[in-house]
Amino acid sequence: MATPFFAAAIALLHQRCFNDPWSEAAAREILAMPGVFCLIAANGDGDGGENPAGFVICRLAADECEIIAIGVAPKRRRAGIASALLAAAMARARGLGAKNAFLEVAVDNFTAAALYRKQGFAEAGKRPDYYRRRQGRVDALIMAKIL
């Protein structure tokens, strides 16, 4: 499980995965929030380095688990890492008392939405213009799952 000590590595990987990347300070702040846990897939970034292959950050509040972010190094994608991280995070959340999980995913992130559906998440709503893109904004799908 990651702690704020891992903020630099998580921020670097987040920058490689997302259009609106986190700084190291932002990652450290998120990791230090109450109820947050982070799981890391080790074994390098595909370049022989020490960077994580992937991460998932979740926040527990009452009996709910919010998946804040999940990312996998570009060279390590399509190897089951995101699926394994998500399954492990949901098992941990259940063990900590969560009964439901939810997340937001950009409507144009078809690969991630397919992963979530495969893991039992279903569309529960939409947030208009939630994510920034170079040419405007896109909606977020809210997806939820009973644990």
N, C-alpha and C. Protein backbone atom coordinates (compact mmCIF):
# COMPACT_ATOMS: atom_id res chain seq x y z
N MET A 1 0.84 -1.17 0.00
CA MET A 1 0.00 0.00 0.00
C MET A 1 0.89 1.24 0.00
N ALA A 2 0.49 2.24 -0.77
CA ALA A 2 1.30 3.45 -0.91
C ALA A 2 0.99 4.45 0.20
N THR A 3 1.97 5.26 0.48
CA THR A 3 1.85 6.35 1.44
C THR A 3 2.28 7.62 0.72
N PRO A 4 2.19 8.80 1.38
CA PRO A 4 2.66 10.02 0.73
C PRO A 4 4.11 9.93 0.25
N PHE A 5 4.89 9.00 0.79
CA PHE A 5 6.26 8.78 0.34
C PHE A 5 6.31 8.47 -1.16
N PHE A 6 5.26 7.85 -1.70
CA PHE A 6 5.21 7.44 -3.10
C PHE A 6 4.67 8.53 -4.01
N ALA A 7 4.43 9.72 -3.49
CA ALA A 7 3.79 10.78 -4.26
C ALA A 7 4.52 11.11 -5.56
N ALA A 8 5.84 11.18 -5.53
CA ALA A 8 6.59 11.54 -6.74
C ALA A 8 6.38 10.51 -7.84
N ALA A 9 6.47 9.24 -7.50
CA ALA A 9 6.30 8.18 -8.51
C ALA A 9 4.87 8.16 -9.04
N ILE A 10 3.91 8.36 -8.16
CA ILE A 10 2.51 8.37 -8.59
C ILE A 10 2.24 9.58 -9.48
N ALA A 11 2.75 10.75 -9.10
CA ALA A 11 2.56 11.95 -9.91
C ALA A 11 3.18 11.77 -11.30
N LEU A 12 4.36 11.19 -11.36
CA LEU A 12 5.02 10.96 -12.65
C LEU A 12 4.18 10.02 -13.52
N LEU A 13 3.69 8.95 -12.95
CA LEU A 13 2.87 8.02 -13.72
C LEU A 13 1.54 8.67 -14.10
N HIS A 14 0.95 9.44 -13.21
CA HIS A 14 -0.30 10.15 -13.51
C HIS A 14 -0.09 11.08 -14.71
N GLN A 15 1.06 11.74 -14.78
CA GLN A 15 1.37 12.63 -15.89
C GLN A 15 1.45 11.87 -17.21
N ARG A 16 1.87 10.62 -17.16
CA ARG A 16 1.99 9.80 -18.37
C ARG A 16 0.64 9.23 -18.80
N CYS A 17 -0.33 9.25 -17.90
CA CYS A 17 -1.62 8.60 -18.16
C CYS A 17 -2.77 9.55 -18.46
N PHE A 18 -2.71 10.78 -17.97
CA PHE A 18 -3.88 11.65 -18.02
C PHE A 18 -3.59 13.00 -18.65
N ASN A 19 -4.64 13.61 -19.22
CA ASN A 19 -4.54 14.92 -19.86
C ASN A 19 -4.37 16.06 -18.86
N ASP A 20 -4.85 15.88 -17.65
CA ASP A 20 -4.80 16.91 -16.62
C ASP A 20 -3.99 16.36 -15.44
N PRO A 21 -2.66 16.30 -15.58
CA PRO A 21 -1.83 15.57 -14.61
C PRO A 21 -1.70 16.25 -13.26
N TRP A 22 -1.42 15.43 -12.26
CA TRP A 22 -1.18 15.91 -10.90
C TRP A 22 0.29 16.29 -10.73
N SER A 23 0.51 17.27 -9.90
CA SER A 23 1.87 17.59 -9.45
C SER A 23 2.20 16.63 -8.31
N GLU A 24 3.47 16.60 -7.92
CA GLU A 24 3.85 15.77 -6.78
C GLU A 24 3.14 16.25 -5.51
N ALA A 25 3.01 17.57 -5.36
CA ALA A 25 2.33 18.12 -4.18
C ALA A 25 0.86 17.69 -4.15
N ALA A 26 0.21 17.71 -5.31
CA ALA A 26 -1.19 17.28 -5.37
C ALA A 26 -1.32 15.81 -5.02
N ALA A 27 -0.43 14.99 -5.55
CA ALA A 27 -0.46 13.55 -5.24
C ALA A 27 -0.24 13.32 -3.75
N ARG A 28 0.70 14.04 -3.17
CA ARG A 28 0.97 13.90 -1.73
C ARG A 28 -0.25 14.30 -0.91
N GLU A 29 -0.90 15.38 -1.32
CA GLU A 29 -2.09 15.85 -0.62
C GLU A 29 -3.23 14.82 -0.69
N ILE A 30 -3.43 14.24 -1.86
CA ILE A 30 -4.48 13.23 -2.03
C ILE A 30 -4.17 12.00 -1.18
N LEU A 31 -2.93 11.54 -1.22
CA LEU A 31 -2.56 10.35 -0.45
C LEU A 31 -2.68 10.54 1.06
N ALA A 32 -2.58 11.79 1.51
CA ALA A 32 -2.66 12.07 2.94
C ALA A 32 -4.09 12.31 3.43
N MET A 33 -5.06 12.36 2.52
CA MET A 33 -6.44 12.62 2.93
C MET A 33 -6.99 11.46 3.76
N PRO A 34 -7.86 11.77 4.72
CA PRO A 34 -8.47 10.70 5.52
C PRO A 34 -9.26 9.72 4.64
N GLY A 35 -9.13 8.45 4.94
CA GLY A 35 -9.88 7.43 4.22
C GLY A 35 -9.28 6.98 2.91
N VAL A 36 -8.15 7.57 2.51
CA VAL A 36 -7.53 7.23 1.22
C VAL A 36 -6.60 6.04 1.37
N PHE A 37 -6.68 5.14 0.39
CA PHE A 37 -5.66 4.10 0.28
C PHE A 37 -5.25 3.99 -1.18
N CYS A 38 -4.03 3.55 -1.39
CA CYS A 38 -3.47 3.44 -2.73
C CYS A 38 -2.75 2.10 -2.85
N LEU A 39 -3.02 1.40 -3.92
CA LEU A 39 -2.30 0.17 -4.22
C LEU A 39 -1.43 0.41 -5.44
N ILE A 40 -0.23 -0.15 -5.42
CA ILE A 40 0.74 0.05 -6.51
C ILE A 40 1.11 -1.30 -7.10
N ALA A 41 1.15 -1.35 -8.43
CA ALA A 41 1.69 -2.51 -9.14
C ALA A 41 3.16 -2.20 -9.40
N ALA A 42 4.03 -2.99 -8.83
CA ALA A 42 5.47 -2.75 -8.93
C ALA A 42 6.02 -3.35 -10.23
N ASN A 43 7.30 -3.62 -10.24
CA ASN A 43 8.00 -4.27 -11.35
C ASN A 43 8.31 -3.36 -12.51
N GLY A 44 8.52 -2.10 -12.24
CA GLY A 44 9.02 -1.20 -13.26
C GLY A 44 7.99 -0.71 -14.23
N ASP A 45 8.41 0.23 -15.06
CA ASP A 45 7.51 0.87 -16.01
C ASP A 45 7.69 0.34 -17.43
N GLY A 46 8.38 -0.75 -17.58
CA GLY A 46 8.61 -1.30 -18.91
C GLY A 46 9.92 -0.85 -19.51
N ASP A 47 10.58 0.10 -18.86
CA ASP A 47 11.86 0.60 -19.35
C ASP A 47 13.02 0.15 -18.47
N GLY A 48 12.75 -0.77 -17.56
CA GLY A 48 13.78 -1.23 -16.65
C GLY A 48 14.00 -0.31 -15.47
N GLY A 49 13.13 0.72 -15.33
CA GLY A 49 13.27 1.66 -14.22
C GLY A 49 12.58 1.19 -12.97
N GLU A 50 12.59 2.03 -11.98
CA GLU A 50 12.00 1.71 -10.68
C GLU A 50 10.59 2.28 -10.53
N ASN A 51 10.06 2.89 -11.56
CA ASN A 51 8.73 3.47 -11.48
C ASN A 51 7.67 2.38 -11.43
N PRO A 52 6.55 2.65 -10.76
CA PRO A 52 5.49 1.64 -10.70
C PRO A 52 4.88 1.39 -12.07
N ALA A 53 4.37 0.18 -12.25
CA ALA A 53 3.67 -0.16 -13.49
C ALA A 53 2.27 0.41 -13.48
N GLY A 54 1.69 0.58 -12.29
CA GLY A 54 0.34 1.12 -12.19
C GLY A 54 -0.02 1.43 -10.75
N PHE A 55 -1.15 2.11 -10.59
CA PHE A 55 -1.64 2.45 -9.26
C PHE A 55 -3.15 2.60 -9.31
N VAL A 56 -3.77 2.47 -8.16
CA VAL A 56 -5.18 2.82 -7.97
C VAL A 56 -5.27 3.54 -6.63
N ILE A 57 -5.98 4.66 -6.63
CA ILE A 57 -6.20 5.43 -5.41
C ILE A 57 -7.69 5.46 -5.14
N CYS A 58 -8.07 5.10 -3.92
CA CYS A 58 -9.47 5.07 -3.51
C CYS A 58 -9.64 5.85 -2.21
N ARG A 59 -10.88 6.30 -2.00
CA ARG A 59 -11.20 6.99 -0.75
C ARG A 59 -12.47 6.38 -0.17
N LEU A 60 -12.40 6.00 1.09
CA LEU A 60 -13.55 5.45 1.79
C LEU A 60 -14.23 6.54 2.61
N ALA A 61 -15.55 6.56 2.54
CA ALA A 61 -16.36 7.45 3.37
C ALA A 61 -17.62 6.69 3.72
N ALA A 62 -17.83 6.48 5.00
CA ALA A 62 -18.96 5.67 5.48
C ALA A 62 -18.87 4.31 4.82
N ASP A 63 -19.90 3.90 4.08
CA ASP A 63 -19.88 2.58 3.45
C ASP A 63 -19.66 2.66 1.94
N GLU A 64 -19.05 3.77 1.48
CA GLU A 64 -18.79 3.94 0.05
C GLU A 64 -17.30 4.04 -0.23
N CYS A 65 -16.93 3.56 -1.41
CA CYS A 65 -15.55 3.66 -1.89
C CYS A 65 -15.56 4.43 -3.21
N GLU A 66 -14.86 5.54 -3.23
CA GLU A 66 -14.70 6.29 -4.47
C GLU A 66 -13.35 5.93 -5.07
N ILE A 67 -13.37 5.54 -6.33
CA ILE A 67 -12.11 5.30 -7.04
C ILE A 67 -11.69 6.65 -7.61
N ILE A 68 -10.66 7.22 -7.03
CA ILE A 68 -10.21 8.56 -7.42
C ILE A 68 -9.45 8.50 -8.74
N ALA A 69 -8.54 7.55 -8.86
CA ALA A 69 -7.74 7.43 -10.09
C ALA A 69 -7.16 6.03 -10.18
N ILE A 70 -7.04 5.58 -11.42
CA ILE A 70 -6.34 4.33 -11.71
C ILE A 70 -5.55 4.58 -12.98
N GLY A 71 -4.27 4.23 -12.95
CA GLY A 71 -3.43 4.45 -14.11
C GLY A 71 -2.40 3.35 -14.27
N VAL A 72 -2.08 3.05 -15.52
CA VAL A 72 -1.07 2.04 -15.84
C VAL A 72 -0.11 2.65 -16.86
N ALA A 73 1.18 2.41 -16.66
CA ALA A 73 2.20 2.92 -17.57
C ALA A 73 1.87 2.49 -19.00
N PRO A 74 2.00 3.40 -19.97
CA PRO A 74 1.64 3.08 -21.35
C PRO A 74 2.24 1.77 -21.88
N LYS A 75 3.50 1.50 -21.56
CA LYS A 75 4.13 0.27 -22.07
C LYS A 75 3.65 -0.99 -21.36
N ARG A 76 2.91 -0.84 -20.28
CA ARG A 76 2.44 -2.00 -19.51
C ARG A 76 0.94 -2.24 -19.67
N ARG A 77 0.29 -1.47 -20.52
CA ARG A 77 -1.15 -1.62 -20.70
C ARG A 77 -1.49 -2.90 -21.45
N ARG A 78 -2.72 -3.33 -21.29
CA ARG A 78 -3.27 -4.52 -21.93
C ARG A 78 -2.61 -5.80 -21.42
N ALA A 79 -2.14 -5.74 -20.17
CA ALA A 79 -1.51 -6.92 -19.54
C ALA A 79 -2.27 -7.34 -18.28
N GLY A 80 -3.44 -6.76 -18.06
CA GLY A 80 -4.25 -7.14 -16.91
C GLY A 80 -3.93 -6.40 -15.63
N ILE A 81 -3.03 -5.41 -15.69
CA ILE A 81 -2.62 -4.70 -14.48
C ILE A 81 -3.77 -3.88 -13.91
N ALA A 82 -4.45 -3.11 -14.74
CA ALA A 82 -5.57 -2.29 -14.26
C ALA A 82 -6.66 -3.17 -13.67
N SER A 83 -6.95 -4.26 -14.33
CA SER A 83 -7.97 -5.19 -13.84
C SER A 83 -7.59 -5.76 -12.48
N ALA A 84 -6.34 -6.16 -12.33
CA ALA A 84 -5.87 -6.71 -11.05
C ALA A 84 -5.88 -5.65 -9.95
N LEU A 85 -5.45 -4.44 -10.28
CA LEU A 85 -5.46 -3.36 -9.29
C LEU A 85 -6.88 -3.05 -8.84
N LEU A 86 -7.80 -2.97 -9.80
CA LEU A 86 -9.19 -2.65 -9.47
C LEU A 86 -9.81 -3.75 -8.60
N ALA A 87 -9.57 -5.00 -8.96
CA ALA A 87 -10.11 -6.11 -8.17
C ALA A 87 -9.54 -6.10 -6.75
N ALA A 88 -8.24 -5.85 -6.62
CA ALA A 88 -7.62 -5.81 -5.30
C ALA A 88 -8.14 -4.64 -4.48
N ALA A 89 -8.34 -3.50 -5.13
CA ALA A 89 -8.86 -2.33 -4.42
C ALA A 89 -10.29 -2.57 -3.94
N MET A 90 -11.10 -3.22 -4.76
CA MET A 90 -12.49 -3.50 -4.36
C MET A 90 -12.52 -4.51 -3.21
N ALA A 91 -11.62 -5.49 -3.24
CA ALA A 91 -11.54 -6.46 -2.14
C ALA A 91 -11.12 -5.75 -0.85
N ARG A 92 -10.16 -4.85 -0.96
CA ARG A 92 -9.71 -4.10 0.23
C ARG A 92 -10.85 -3.23 0.76
N ALA A 93 -11.54 -2.54 -0.15
CA ALA A 93 -12.65 -1.68 0.26
C ALA A 93 -13.74 -2.48 0.98
N ARG A 94 -14.06 -3.65 0.43
CA ARG A 94 -15.04 -4.54 1.09
C ARG A 94 -14.57 -4.91 2.49
N GLY A 95 -13.30 -5.26 2.59
CA GLY A 95 -12.73 -5.63 3.88
C GLY A 95 -12.74 -4.50 4.89
N LEU A 96 -12.77 -3.27 4.40
CA LEU A 96 -12.82 -2.10 5.27
C LEU A 96 -14.25 -1.62 5.52
N GLY A 97 -15.22 -2.38 5.01
CA GLY A 97 -16.62 -2.06 5.28
C GLY A 97 -17.40 -1.37 4.19
N ALA A 98 -16.79 -1.14 3.03
CA ALA A 98 -17.53 -0.49 1.95
C ALA A 98 -18.57 -1.45 1.36
N LYS A 99 -19.73 -0.91 1.04
CA LYS A 99 -20.80 -1.70 0.43
C LYS A 99 -21.02 -1.32 -1.03
N ASN A 100 -20.57 -0.13 -1.41
CA ASN A 100 -20.74 0.36 -2.77
C ASN A 100 -19.44 1.03 -3.21
N ALA A 101 -19.24 1.07 -4.52
CA ALA A 101 -18.10 1.78 -5.09
C ALA A 101 -18.59 2.62 -6.26
N PHE A 102 -17.93 3.73 -6.49
CA PHE A 102 -18.29 4.56 -7.64
C PHE A 102 -17.04 5.25 -8.18
N LEU A 103 -17.16 5.75 -9.41
CA LEU A 103 -16.07 6.43 -10.08
C LEU A 103 -16.64 7.30 -11.18
N GLU A 104 -15.80 8.17 -11.71
CA GLU A 104 -16.12 8.93 -12.90
C GLU A 104 -15.12 8.53 -13.98
N VAL A 105 -15.61 8.44 -15.22
CA VAL A 105 -14.76 8.13 -16.36
C VAL A 105 -15.23 8.98 -17.54
N ALA A 106 -14.28 9.51 -18.29
CA ALA A 106 -14.63 10.33 -19.45
C ALA A 106 -15.38 9.50 -20.48
N VAL A 107 -16.40 10.10 -21.08
CA VAL A 107 -17.21 9.36 -22.06
C VAL A 107 -16.39 8.91 -23.26
N ASP A 108 -15.25 9.57 -23.51
CA ASP A 108 -14.42 9.17 -24.64
C ASP A 108 -13.31 8.19 -24.25
N ASN A 109 -13.29 7.74 -23.01
CA ASN A 109 -12.30 6.75 -22.55
C ASN A 109 -12.95 5.37 -22.61
N PHE A 110 -13.11 4.88 -23.82
CA PHE A 110 -13.83 3.62 -24.07
C PHE A 110 -13.14 2.42 -23.42
N THR A 111 -11.81 2.41 -23.42
CA THR A 111 -11.08 1.28 -22.83
C THR A 111 -11.34 1.19 -21.33
N ALA A 112 -11.25 2.32 -20.64
CA ALA A 112 -11.49 2.31 -19.19
C ALA A 112 -12.94 1.95 -18.88
N ALA A 113 -13.88 2.52 -19.62
CA ALA A 113 -15.30 2.21 -19.37
C ALA A 113 -15.57 0.73 -19.57
N ALA A 114 -14.93 0.13 -20.58
CA ALA A 114 -15.11 -1.31 -20.82
C ALA A 114 -14.53 -2.12 -19.65
N LEU A 115 -13.38 -1.71 -19.13
CA LEU A 115 -12.79 -2.38 -17.96
C LEU A 115 -13.75 -2.33 -16.78
N TYR A 116 -14.30 -1.16 -16.52
CA TYR A 116 -15.21 -1.01 -15.38
C TYR A 116 -16.46 -1.87 -15.56
N ARG A 117 -17.01 -1.88 -16.77
CA ARG A 117 -18.19 -2.72 -17.02
C ARG A 117 -17.86 -4.20 -16.80
N LYS A 118 -16.69 -4.61 -17.26
CA LYS A 118 -16.27 -6.00 -17.10
C LYS A 118 -16.14 -6.37 -15.62
N GLN A 119 -15.81 -5.38 -14.78
CA GLN A 119 -15.66 -5.62 -13.34
C GLN A 119 -16.97 -5.37 -12.57
N GLY A 120 -18.08 -5.22 -13.30
CA GLY A 120 -19.38 -5.13 -12.66
C GLY A 120 -19.92 -3.74 -12.40
N PHE A 121 -19.24 -2.71 -12.87
CA PHE A 121 -19.75 -1.35 -12.72
C PHE A 121 -20.80 -1.08 -13.80
N ALA A 122 -21.79 -0.26 -13.45
CA ALA A 122 -22.83 0.13 -14.40
C ALA A 122 -22.99 1.64 -14.35
N GLU A 123 -23.45 2.22 -15.45
CA GLU A 123 -23.65 3.65 -15.52
C GLU A 123 -24.75 4.07 -14.54
N ALA A 124 -24.44 5.10 -13.74
CA ALA A 124 -25.40 5.57 -12.73
C ALA A 124 -25.75 7.04 -12.93
N GLY A 125 -25.09 7.71 -13.86
CA GLY A 125 -25.36 9.12 -14.11
C GLY A 125 -24.30 9.72 -14.99
N LYS A 126 -24.37 11.05 -15.14
CA LYS A 126 -23.44 11.76 -16.01
C LYS A 126 -23.15 13.13 -15.41
N ARG A 127 -21.92 13.59 -15.57
CA ARG A 127 -21.54 14.95 -15.17
C ARG A 127 -21.15 15.69 -16.45
N PRO A 128 -21.96 16.66 -16.87
CA PRO A 128 -21.67 17.37 -18.12
C PRO A 128 -20.37 18.18 -18.03
N ASP A 129 -19.62 18.16 -19.12
CA ASP A 129 -18.41 18.98 -19.26
C ASP A 129 -17.43 18.83 -18.10
N TYR A 130 -17.25 17.65 -17.61
CA TYR A 130 -16.46 17.38 -16.41
C TYR A 130 -14.95 17.39 -16.67
N TYR A 131 -14.53 16.82 -17.79
CA TYR A 131 -13.10 16.69 -18.09
C TYR A 131 -12.67 17.70 -19.15
N ARG A 132 -11.48 18.29 -18.95
CA ARG A 132 -10.91 19.20 -19.94
C ARG A 132 -10.18 18.41 -21.02
N ARG A 133 -10.32 18.87 -22.24
CA ARG A 133 -9.58 18.33 -23.37
C ARG A 133 -8.96 19.51 -24.12
N ARG A 134 -8.05 19.23 -25.01
CA ARG A 134 -7.43 20.32 -25.78
C ARG A 134 -8.46 21.10 -26.57
N GLN A 135 -9.47 20.41 -27.08
CA GLN A 135 -10.50 21.07 -27.88
C GLN A 135 -11.84 21.13 -27.14
N GLY A 136 -11.80 21.52 -25.88
CA GLY A 136 -13.05 21.68 -25.14
C GLY A 136 -13.14 20.77 -23.94
N ARG A 137 -14.36 20.33 -23.66
CA ARG A 137 -14.62 19.51 -22.48
C ARG A 137 -15.48 18.33 -22.89
N VAL A 138 -15.42 17.26 -22.08
CA VAL A 138 -16.25 16.08 -22.32
C VAL A 138 -16.94 15.70 -21.02
N ASP A 139 -18.06 15.02 -21.17
CA ASP A 139 -18.82 14.56 -20.02
C ASP A 139 -18.11 13.42 -19.30
N ALA A 140 -18.46 13.25 -18.04
CA ALA A 140 -18.02 12.10 -17.25
C ALA A 140 -19.21 11.19 -17.05
N LEU A 141 -18.99 9.90 -17.23
CA LEU A 141 -19.97 8.91 -16.81
C LEU A 141 -19.71 8.62 -15.34
N ILE A 142 -20.76 8.57 -14.56
CA ILE A 142 -20.65 8.10 -13.18
C ILE A 142 -21.01 6.62 -13.23
N MET A 143 -20.11 5.79 -12.75
CA MET A 143 -20.36 4.36 -12.74
C MET A 143 -20.32 3.87 -11.30
N ALA A 144 -21.16 2.89 -10.99
CA ALA A 144 -21.26 2.40 -9.62
C ALA A 144 -21.39 0.89 -9.60
N LYS A 145 -21.08 0.33 -8.44
CA LYS A 145 -21.11 -1.12 -8.26
C LYS A 145 -21.42 -1.43 -6.80
N ILE A 146 -22.23 -2.44 -6.57
CA ILE A 146 -22.46 -2.94 -5.22
C ILE A 146 -21.34 -3.92 -4.91
N LEU A 147 -20.69 -3.74 -3.77
CA LEU A 147 -19.59 -4.62 -3.39
C LEU A 147 -20.11 -5.81 -2.60
